[in-house]
Each structure stands twice: as structure tokens, then as C-alpha cells.
C-alpha atoms as a PDB file:
ATOM      1  CA  MET A   1       0.000   0.000   0.000  1.00  0.00           C
ATOM      2  CA  LEU A   2       1.312   3.433  -0.940  1.00  0.00           C
ATOM      3  CA  ARG A   3      -0.079   6.416   0.919  1.00  0.00           C
ATOM      4  CA  GLY A   4       0.582  10.110   1.154  1.00  0.00           C
ATOM      5  CA  MET A   5       2.880  10.236  -1.861  1.00  0.00           C
ATOM      6  CA  THR A   6       3.023  13.042  -4.398  1.00  0.00           C
ATOM      7  CA  GLN A   7       4.027  11.480  -7.676  1.00  0.00           C
ATOM      8  CA  GLN A   8       4.191  12.617 -11.266  1.00  0.00           C
ATOM      9  CA  PHE A   9       2.978  10.770 -14.328  1.00  0.00           C
ATOM     10  CA  PRO A  10       5.235  11.304 -17.354  1.00  0.00           C
ATOM     11  CA  PRO A  11       3.541  12.762 -20.422  1.00  0.00           C
ATOM     12  CA  ALA A  12       2.340  10.192 -22.938  1.00  0.00           C
ATOM     13  CA  THR A  13       4.355  10.033 -26.125  1.00  0.00           C
ATOM     14  CA  GLY A  14       4.223   7.932 -29.274  1.00  0.00           C
ATOM     15  CA  PRO A  15       1.233   5.937 -30.544  1.00  0.00           C
ATOM     16  CA  GLN A  16      -1.692   5.145 -28.287  1.00  0.00           C
ATOM     17  CA  VAL A  17      -1.456   1.804 -26.504  1.00  0.00           C
ATOM     18  CA  THR A  18      -4.395  -0.502 -27.166  1.00  0.00           C
ATOM     19  CA  LEU A  19      -5.649  -1.873 -23.861  1.00  0.00           C
ATOM     20  CA  GLY A  20      -8.200  -4.285 -25.307  1.00  0.00           C
ATOM     21  CA  GLU A  21     -10.468  -5.709 -22.624  1.00  0.00           C
ATOM     22  CA  VAL A  22      -8.341  -5.009 -19.535  1.00  0.00           C
ATOM     23  CA  LEU A  23     -11.414  -3.566 -17.767  1.00  0.00           C
ATOM     24  CA  ASN A  24     -13.898  -6.096 -19.141  1.00  0.00           C
ATOM     25  CA  GLY A  25     -16.699  -6.691 -16.628  1.00  0.00           C
ATOM     26  CA  GLN A  26     -15.936  -3.522 -14.667  1.00  0.00           C
ATOM     27  CA  VAL A  27     -18.706  -0.981 -13.991  1.00  0.00           C
ATOM     28  CA  ILE A  28     -17.280   2.527 -13.598  1.00  0.00           C
ATOM     29  CA  ALA A  29     -19.132   5.808 -13.077  1.00  0.00           C
ATOM     30  CA  VAL A  30     -17.721   9.083 -14.405  1.00  0.00           C
ATOM     31  CA  THR A  31     -19.024  12.472 -13.297  1.00  0.00           C
ATOM     32  CA  SER A  32     -19.180  15.450 -15.683  1.00  0.00           C
ATOM     33  CA  ALA A  33     -18.912  12.742 -18.327  1.00  0.00           C
ATOM     34  CA  ASP A  34     -20.409  14.825 -21.132  1.00  0.00           C
ATOM     35  CA  GLN A  35     -17.745  17.538 -21.202  1.00  0.00           C
ATOM     36  CA  GLY A  36     -14.025  18.255 -20.931  1.00  0.00           C
ATOM     37  CA  TYR A  37     -11.869  15.599 -19.328  1.00  0.00           C
ATOM     38  CA  GLY A  38     -14.968  13.619 -18.395  1.00  0.00           C
ATOM     39  CA  ARG A  39     -15.668  12.819 -22.054  1.00  0.00           C
ATOM     40  CA  THR A  40     -12.055  11.805 -22.724  1.00  0.00           C
ATOM     41  CA  ILE A  41     -11.890   9.590 -19.633  1.00  0.00           C
ATOM     42  CA  SER A  42     -15.261   7.968 -20.376  1.00  0.00           C
ATOM     43  CA  ALA A  43     -14.174   7.110 -23.920  1.00  0.00           C
ATOM     44  CA  ALA A  44     -10.889   5.614 -22.690  1.00  0.00           C
ATOM     45  CA  LEU A  45     -12.655   3.469 -20.076  1.00  0.00           C
ATOM     46  CA  ALA A  46     -15.181   2.243 -22.654  1.00  0.00           C
ATOM     47  CA  ARG A  47     -12.388   1.340 -25.095  1.00  0.00           C
ATOM     48  CA  ALA A  48     -10.758  -0.681 -22.315  1.00  0.00           C
ATOM     49  CA  GLY A  49     -13.919  -2.765 -21.923  1.00  0.00           C
ATOM     50  CA  ALA A  50     -15.644  -1.125 -18.942  1.00  0.00           C
ATOM     51  CA  SER A  51     -19.365  -0.447 -18.740  1.00  0.00           C
ATOM     52  CA  VAL A  52     -19.377   3.311 -18.165  1.00  0.00           C
ATOM     53  CA  VAL A  53     -22.120   5.204 -16.347  1.00  0.00           C
ATOM     54  CA  LEU A  54     -22.102   8.777 -17.629  1.00  0.00           C
ATOM     55  CA  ILE A  55     -23.215  11.186 -14.901  1.00  0.00           C
ATOM     56  CA  GLY A  56     -23.923  14.879 -15.421  1.00  0.00           C
ATOM     57  CA  ASN A  57     -26.528  17.628 -15.362  1.00  0.00           C
ATOM     58  CA  ASN A  58     -27.574  17.752 -19.028  1.00  0.00           C
ATOM     59  CA  SER A  59     -29.706  14.858 -20.258  1.00  0.00           C
ATOM     60  CA  GLU A  60     -29.249  15.694 -23.938  1.00  0.00           C
ATOM     61  CA  THR A  61     -25.457  15.899 -23.948  1.00  0.00           C
ATOM     62  CA  LEU A  62     -25.213  12.796 -21.756  1.00  0.00           C
ATOM     63  CA  ALA A  63     -27.395  10.851 -24.202  1.00  0.00           C
ATOM     64  CA  ALA A  64     -25.330  12.112 -27.148  1.00  0.00           C
ATOM     65  CA  THR A  65     -22.080  11.056 -25.457  1.00  0.00           C
ATOM     66  CA  ALA A  66     -23.484   7.620 -24.614  1.00  0.00           C
ATOM     67  CA  SER A  67     -24.613   7.193 -28.233  1.00  0.00           C
ATOM     68  CA  GLN A  68     -21.136   8.056 -29.522  1.00  0.00           C
ATOM     69  CA  LEU A  69     -19.472   5.556 -27.187  1.00  0.00           C
ATOM     70  CA  GLU A  70     -21.968   2.821 -28.110  1.00  0.00           C
ATOM     71  CA  HIS A  71     -21.432   3.532 -31.812  1.00  0.00           C
ATOM     72  CA  ALA A  72     -17.673   3.112 -31.262  1.00  0.00           C
ATOM     73  CA  GLY A  73     -18.273  -0.317 -29.730  1.00  0.00           C
ATOM     74  CA  GLY A  74     -18.324   0.637 -26.051  1.00  0.00           C
ATOM     75  CA  HIS A  75     -21.003   0.157 -23.421  1.00  0.00           C
ATOM     76  CA  ALA A  76     -22.305   3.329 -21.766  1.00  0.00           C
ATOM     77  CA  ILE A  77     -25.518   4.567 -20.186  1.00  0.00           C
ATOM     78  CA  PRO A  78     -26.407   8.200 -19.360  1.00  0.00           C
ATOM     79  CA  MET A  79     -27.667   9.138 -15.911  1.00  0.00           C
ATOM     80  CA  LYS A  80     -28.647  12.664 -14.944  1.00  0.00           C
ATOM     81  CA  ALA A  81     -27.564  13.659 -11.427  1.00  0.00           C
ATOM     82  CA  ASP A  82     -25.963  16.592  -9.635  1.00  0.00           C
ATOM     83  CA  VAL A  83     -23.255  14.987  -7.509  1.00  0.00           C
ATOM     84  CA  GLY A  84     -22.895  18.243  -5.593  1.00  0.00           C
ATOM     85  CA  VAL A  85     -26.212  17.258  -3.975  1.00  0.00           C
ATOM     86  CA  PRO A  86     -25.706  14.172  -1.772  1.00  0.00           C
ATOM     87  CA  LEU A  87     -29.240  12.857  -2.308  1.00  0.00           C
ATOM     88  CA  ASP A  88     -28.726  13.035  -6.078  1.00  0.00           C
ATOM     89  CA  TRP A  89     -25.595  10.898  -5.829  1.00  0.00           C
ATOM     90  CA  ILE A  90     -27.360   8.394  -3.560  1.00  0.00           C
ATOM     91  CA  SER A  91     -30.184   8.181  -6.108  1.00  0.00           C
ATOM     92  CA  ALA A  92     -27.700   7.660  -8.960  1.00  0.00           C
ATOM     93  CA  TYR A  93     -25.841   4.993  -6.984  1.00  0.00           C
ATOM     94  CA  THR A  94     -29.123   3.195  -6.251  1.00  0.00           C
ATOM     95  CA  ARG A  95     -30.004   3.153  -9.956  1.00  0.00           C
ATOM     96  CA  ILE A  96     -26.553   1.825 -10.854  1.00  0.00           C
ATOM     97  CA  MET A  97     -26.985  -1.026  -8.393  1.00  0.00           C
ATOM     98  CA  GLU A  98     -30.447  -1.799  -9.783  1.00  0.00           C
ATOM     99  CA  ILE A  99     -29.028  -2.016 -13.322  1.00  0.00           C
ATOM    100  CA  PHE A 100     -25.642  -3.679 -12.750  1.00  0.00           C
ATOM    101  CA  GLY A 101     -25.704  -4.957  -9.174  1.00  0.00           C
ATOM    102  CA  VAL A 102     -22.191  -3.583  -8.594  1.00  0.00           C
ATOM    103  CA  LEU A 103     -20.081  -0.445  -8.929  1.00  0.00           C
ATOM    104  CA  HIS A 104     -16.373  -1.185  -9.141  1.00  0.00           C
ATOM    105  CA  GLY A 105     -15.142   2.394  -9.265  1.00  0.00           C
ATOM    106  CA  THR A 106     -15.908   6.079  -9.748  1.00  0.00           C
ATOM    107  CA  VAL A 107     -13.983   8.840 -11.469  1.00  0.00           C
ATOM    108  CA  HIS A 108     -15.058  12.186 -10.068  1.00  0.00           C
ATOM    109  CA  LEU A 109     -14.226  15.426 -11.870  1.00  0.00           C
ATOM    110  CA  ALA A 110     -13.719  17.859  -8.971  1.00  0.00           C
ATOM    111  CA  ASP A 111     -12.157  20.456 -11.233  1.00  0.00           C
ATOM    112  CA  LYS A 112     -14.673  23.271 -11.576  1.00  0.00           C
ATOM    113  CA  ARG A 113     -12.775  26.495 -12.272  1.00  0.00           C
ATOM    114  CA  ALA A 114     -13.421  30.039 -11.089  1.00  0.00           C
ATOM    115  CA  HIS A 115     -13.949  32.636 -13.807  1.00  0.00           C
ATOM    116  CA  THR A 116     -13.411  35.519 -11.378  1.00  0.00           C
ATOM    117  CA  GLU A 117     -10.195  36.787  -9.807  1.00  0.00           C
ATOM    118  CA  PHE A 118      -9.740  36.002  -6.120  1.00  0.00           C
ATOM    119  CA  THR A 119     -10.362  39.559  -4.901  1.00  0.00           C
ATOM    120  CA  SER A 120     -13.650  39.718  -6.841  1.00  0.00           C
ATOM    121  CA  LEU A 121     -14.902  36.228  -5.981  1.00  0.00           C
ATOM    122  CA  THR A 122     -18.347  36.411  -4.364  1.00  0.00           C
ATOM    123  CA  GLU A 123     -19.523  34.192  -1.533  1.00  0.00           C
ATOM    124  CA  ASN A 124     -21.938  32.422  -3.885  1.00  0.00           C
ATOM    125  CA  GLU A 125     -19.158  31.735  -6.398  1.00  0.00           C
ATOM    126  CA  TRP A 126     -16.889  30.369  -3.665  1.00  0.00           C
ATOM    127  CA  MET A 127     -19.633  28.138  -2.266  1.00  0.00           C
ATOM    128  CA  ASP A 128     -20.367  26.847  -5.765  1.00  0.00           C
ATOM    129  CA  LEU A 129     -16.690  25.916  -6.188  1.00  0.00           C
ATOM    130  CA  PHE A 130     -16.602  24.291  -2.749  1.00  0.00           C
ATOM    131  CA  ASN A 131     -19.800  22.310  -3.383  1.00  0.00           C
ATOM    132  CA  CYS A 132     -18.739  21.109  -6.825  1.00  0.00           C
ATOM    133  CA  ASN A 133     -15.183  20.167  -5.902  1.00  0.00           C
ATOM    134  CA  VAL A 134     -14.937  19.389  -2.184  1.00  0.00           C
ATOM    135  CA  LYS A 135     -18.415  18.700  -0.807  1.00  0.00           C
ATOM    136  CA  SER A 136     -19.206  16.364  -3.699  1.00  0.00           C
ATOM    137  CA  SER A 137     -15.978  14.403  -3.154  1.00  0.00           C
ATOM    138  CA  VAL A 138     -16.792  13.887   0.518  1.00  0.00           C
ATOM    139  CA  ALA A 139     -20.385  12.872  -0.284  1.00  0.00           C
ATOM    140  CA  ILE A 140     -19.286  10.318  -2.889  1.00  0.00           C
ATOM    141  CA  SER A 141     -16.722   8.900  -0.444  1.00  0.00           C
ATOM    142  CA  GLN A 142     -19.384   8.549   2.260  1.00  0.00           C
ATOM    143  CA  VAL A 143     -21.756   6.633  -0.010  1.00  0.00           C
ATOM    144  CA  ILE A 144     -18.961   4.328  -1.175  1.00  0.00           C
ATOM    145  CA  ARG A 145     -17.938   3.628   2.426  1.00  0.00           C
ATOM    146  CA  ARG A 146     -21.492   2.929   3.547  1.00  0.00           C
ATOM    147  CA  ARG A 147     -22.748   0.908   0.597  1.00  0.00           C
ATOM    148  CA  GLN A 148     -19.801  -0.504  -1.393  1.00  0.00           C
ATOM    149  CA  PRO A 149     -16.601  -0.382   0.682  1.00  0.00           C
ATOM    150  CA  GLY A 150     -14.697  -2.449  -1.872  1.00  0.00           C
ATOM    151  CA  SER A 151     -15.154   0.190  -4.557  1.00  0.00           C
ATOM    152  CA  TRP A 152     -12.551   2.819  -5.492  1.00  0.00           C
ATOM    153  CA  LEU A 153     -12.649   6.552  -6.179  1.00  0.00           C
ATOM    154  CA  THR A 154     -10.245   8.514  -8.368  1.00  0.00           C
ATOM    155  CA  ILE A 155     -10.649  12.281  -8.062  1.00  0.00           C
ATOM    156  CA  VAL A 156      -9.497  14.663 -10.788  1.00  0.00           C
ATOM    157  CA  GLY A 157      -8.766  17.840  -8.856  1.00  0.00           C
ATOM    158  CA  PRO A 158      -8.271  21.506  -9.753  1.00  0.00           C
ATOM    159  CA  HIS A 159      -5.792  21.910 -12.601  1.00  0.00           C
ATOM    160  CA  LEU A 160      -2.245  22.984 -11.817  1.00  0.00           C
ATOM    161  CA  ASP A 161      -2.471  25.963 -14.183  1.00  0.00           C
ATOM    162  CA  GLU A 162      -5.436  27.451 -12.346  1.00  0.00           C
ATOM    163  CA  ARG A 163      -4.689  30.861 -10.856  1.00  0.00           C
ATOM    164  CA  GLY A 164      -6.105  32.451  -7.724  1.00  0.00           C
ATOM    165  CA  LEU A 165      -5.767  31.897  -4.006  1.00  0.00           C
ATOM    166  CA  GLN A 166      -9.140  30.122  -3.887  1.00  0.00           C
ATOM    167  CA  VAL A 167      -7.730  27.025  -5.593  1.00  0.00           C
ATOM    168  CA  HIS A 168      -5.289  26.183  -2.786  1.00  0.00           C
ATOM    169  CA  PRO A 169      -7.791  25.432   0.009  1.00  0.00           C
ATOM    170  CA  GLN A 170      -9.696  23.241  -2.441  1.00  0.00           C
ATOM    171  CA  ARG A 171      -6.609  21.231  -3.354  1.00  0.00           C
ATOM    172  CA  GLY A 172      -5.627  21.077   0.313  1.00  0.00           C
ATOM    173  CA  ALA A 173      -9.018  19.706   1.334  1.00  0.00           C
ATOM    174  CA  LEU A 174      -8.962  17.081  -1.422  1.00  0.00           C
ATOM    175  CA  ARG A 175      -5.387  16.118  -0.571  1.00  0.00           C
ATOM    176  CA  GLY A 176      -6.311  15.656   3.088  1.00  0.00           C
ATOM    177  CA  LEU A 177      -9.368  13.577   2.167  1.00  0.00           C
ATOM    178  CA  VAL A 178      -7.347  11.295  -0.105  1.00  0.00           C
ATOM    179  CA  GLU A 179      -4.303  10.886   2.140  1.00  0.00           C
ATOM    180  CA  GLN A 180      -6.395  10.044   5.209  1.00  0.00           C
ATOM    181  CA  ALA A 181      -9.071   7.925   3.492  1.00  0.00           C
ATOM    182  CA  HIS A 182      -7.207   4.753   4.505  1.00  0.00           C
ATOM    183  CA  THR A 183      -8.460   5.313   8.058  1.00  0.00           C
ATOM    184  CA  GLU A 184     -11.920   4.429   6.704  1.00  0.00           C
ATOM    185  CA  ASP A 185     -10.498   1.626   4.543  1.00  0.00           C
ATOM    186  CA  LEU A 186     -11.268   3.610   1.391  1.00  0.00           C
ATOM    187  CA  ARG A 187      -9.264   3.441  -1.829  1.00  0.00           C
ATOM    188  CA  LEU A 188      -8.946   7.047  -2.979  1.00  0.00           C
ATOM    189  CA  ASN A 189      -6.391   8.688  -5.252  1.00  0.00           C
ATOM    190  CA  LEU A 190      -6.090  12.257  -6.543  1.00  0.00           C
ATOM    191  CA  LEU A 191      -4.914  13.319 -10.009  1.00  0.00           C
ATOM    192  CA  LEU A 192      -3.951  16.925 -10.729  1.00  0.00           C
ATOM    193  CA  PRO A 193      -3.714  17.615 -14.484  1.00  0.00           C
ATOM    194  CA  GLY A 194      -1.293  20.271 -15.618  1.00  0.00           C
ATOM    195  CA  ARG A 195      -3.923  22.287 -17.465  1.00  0.00           C
ATOM    196  CA  ALA A 196      -7.588  22.447 -18.391  1.00  0.00           C
ATOM    197  CA  SER A 197      -8.989  20.095 -21.017  1.00  0.00           C
ATOM    198  CA  SER A 198      -8.117  20.952 -24.614  1.00  0.00           C
ATOM    199  CA  GLY A 199     -11.145  19.140 -26.021  1.00  0.00           C
ATOM    200  CA  ASP A 200      -8.752  16.951 -28.036  1.00  0.00           C
ATOM    201  CA  ASP A 201      -8.560  13.319 -26.880  1.00  0.00           C
ATOM    202  CA  THR A 202      -5.020  12.958 -28.206  1.00  0.00           C
ATOM    203  CA  LEU A 203      -3.702  15.979 -26.306  1.00  0.00           C
ATOM    204  CA  ASP A 204      -5.603  14.982 -23.164  1.00  0.00           C
ATOM    205  CA  ARG A 205      -4.480  11.332 -23.285  1.00  0.00           C
ATOM    206  CA  PRO A 206      -1.999  11.528 -20.345  1.00  0.00           C
ATOM    207  CA  LEU A 207      -4.832  12.078 -17.881  1.00  0.00           C
ATOM    208  CA  SER A 208      -7.006   9.277 -19.218  1.00  0.00           C
ATOM    209  CA  ALA A 209      -3.935   6.998 -19.187  1.00  0.00           C
ATOM    210  CA  ALA A 210      -3.405   7.799 -15.489  1.00  0.00           C
ATOM    211  CA  VAL A 211      -7.068   7.042 -14.739  1.00  0.00           C
ATOM    212  CA  LEU A 212      -6.825   3.732 -16.604  1.00  0.00           C
ATOM    213  CA  ALA A 213      -3.675   2.781 -14.703  1.00  0.00           C
ATOM    214  CA  LEU A 214      -5.428   3.285 -11.358  1.00  0.00           C
ATOM    215  CA  ALA A 215      -8.547   1.443 -12.581  1.00  0.00           C
ATOM    216  CA  THR A 216      -6.619  -1.669 -13.608  1.00  0.00           C
ATOM    217  CA  PRO A 217      -7.565  -4.575 -11.298  1.00  0.00           C
ATOM    218  CA  GLY A 218      -3.889  -5.277 -10.564  1.00  0.00           C
ATOM    219  CA  MET A 219      -3.459  -1.791  -9.081  1.00  0.00           C
ATOM    220  CA  THR A 220      -5.962  -2.178  -6.226  1.00  0.00           C
ATOM    221  CA  HIS A 221      -3.168  -1.762  -3.657  1.00  0.00           C
ATOM    222  CA  LEU A 222      -2.604   1.875  -4.692  1.00  0.00           C
ATOM    223  CA  ARG A 223      -4.372   4.367  -2.429  1.00  0.00           C
ATOM    224  CA  GLY A 224      -3.741   7.706  -0.776  1.00  0.00           C
ATOM    225  CA  ASN A 225      -1.668   9.028  -3.672  1.00  0.00           C
ATOM    226  CA  VAL A 226      -1.653  12.608  -4.979  1.00  0.00           C
ATOM    227  CA  MET A 227      -0.234  12.644  -8.503  1.00  0.00           C
ATOM    228  CA  ASP A 228       0.613  15.533 -10.808  1.00  0.00           C
ATOM    229  CA  VAL A 229      -0.120  14.706 -14.451  1.00  0.00           C
ATOM    230  CA  PRO A 230       1.915  16.845 -16.889  1.00  0.00           C
ATOM    231  CA  MET A 231      -0.035  17.638 -20.054  1.00  0.00           C
ATOM    232  CA  PRO A 232       1.292  18.594 -23.485  1.00  0.00           C
ATOM    233  CA  PRO A 233       0.682  22.249 -24.376  1.00  0.00           C
ATOM    234  CA  VAL A 234      -2.285  23.131 -26.552  1.00  0.00           C
ATOM    235  CA  PRO A 235      -1.095  24.471 -29.919  1.00  0.00           C
ATOM    236  CA  THR A 236      -1.788  28.163 -30.462  1.00  0.00           C
ATOM    237  CA  ILE A 237      -3.641  28.877 -33.691  1.00  0.00           C
ATOM    238  CA  ARG A 238      -2.603  32.124 -35.333  1.00  0.00           C
ATOM    239  CA  ALA A 239      -5.254  34.295 -36.930  1.00  0.00           C
ATOM    240  CA  ARG A 240      -3.767  33.788 -40.420  1.00  0.00           C
ATOM    241  CA  ASP A 241      -3.964  29.991 -39.929  1.00  0.00           C
ATOM    242  CA  ALA A 242      -7.598  30.100 -38.792  1.00  0.00           C
ATOM    243  CA  TYR A 243      -8.618  32.483 -41.548  1.00  0.00           C
ATOM    244  CA  PRO A 244      -6.242  32.003 -44.505  1.00  0.00           C
ATOM    245  CA  LEU A 245      -6.195  34.713 -47.121  1.00  0.00           C
END
């Protein structure tokens, strides 16, 4: 068992590794699965053979994402729920158990960003960040501990390129939750991507590769780890390239 370690995943290079059915038979829930890193992670899990439960707030985009994954040969179902509301997550968990009878793991995107500078951040904006990133992570952990203690939780925390003092107490709270989760016999790990999602699966592959590594059945001994995930830079498109003369 490894606990309390800050590690760093090397950036992925070269052609994508085909994982085949390494997660065959696994049921994994992904929050914010219809946008950003959630979409990339969901697609990677589905390609690896997992049945993916796509959780988010928008029924239409969730259904569209599930359709795309099914069309590509994966197995995914959409499920609308606001995981920032504990009762919503309990309801989603109950539905997952009714459908599959098991939930092997959850990937939680606790990476909501502030669009306001620290000095201008309102109380409502701060509470929204706290609810989406910290409160939701605690609530998911509680449900796992009460109802499926053998399950795992991988949290994708606030990106390392995010500016503003408000991001540090969020990361600190998530780090403390993850590093001390072993006291409740929980398997939690925290990934901190180097930047926000680019919207390009190829550029965002290092994060999904880290999630897949932690989800692999042979890695069940890993818990309590906080890992930085370096990401390749997003190419800058010059105006003349976007609008050629």
C-alpha cells in the first residue's frame, strides 16, 4: 500500500497503446462525463472494456455522449444527477446497483474552475466551487464507504495551471481527504492535471492513461496518492492559420 505520496505521471508520447479488454466486466461511473476531461476519460474506459455510467446535469449531452461511445463499440448509459447534492448521488448509486448490481469504481471530476479573480470572488461563487469540488468528493466517499466499501474513487482535482488563491484550500481539502481515506479503509487517489482540457482526446491522453492505470484490477493496492499529471501544451492557432487569405 502506498499512501501520502506526491508522484508525477510522465507525459504520454508515441502511438496510443491498445488496452483491449483489460477492464472487461468492470462498472465505472464518471461524473461530468459529457464535457471536458470527463468525455475523454469515459471514452478511454469504454475502449478498455468497462461499462461506463455517464453522470452529469444535461440529459441531452449525456445521451449524445453515450450514443457516440456505443457507436464506437463501447457500453455506456447516461444518468442525470448533480453529484454536488448528496441525495442526487445516492439516487444515482441506487439506480446503478439496480441495473448492474455492482459499482467497481468512480472517477469524479472535482475540477470546476473560477472565472473571477480572487479579490472579486463572491460568496456564492466560492460556495459553488466548494460544493462542486470538495463537498461532492466527501459525499461520494461517504456513499462508497457505507454501501460498497470495496469500490474505489479517483478524483481529478483543480488543474495545476489554475490561478487564484481560492484554488489552494480546495486542493488542500482534497489532498487531506485522499491521504487520510485509509483510516476508513477507502481506496482514494487524486490526479492533478497540468492544465484544463483541450477538447482533443489525443492531447488529453496523459490524464485518461493515469485514470486507466489506477482502474486496472492489478493496481488495487494503490491508495492515498496525490499525482501531478503533466499535459502537453495546446497548440496556439494564429489568426492567419484560422482564416487564410
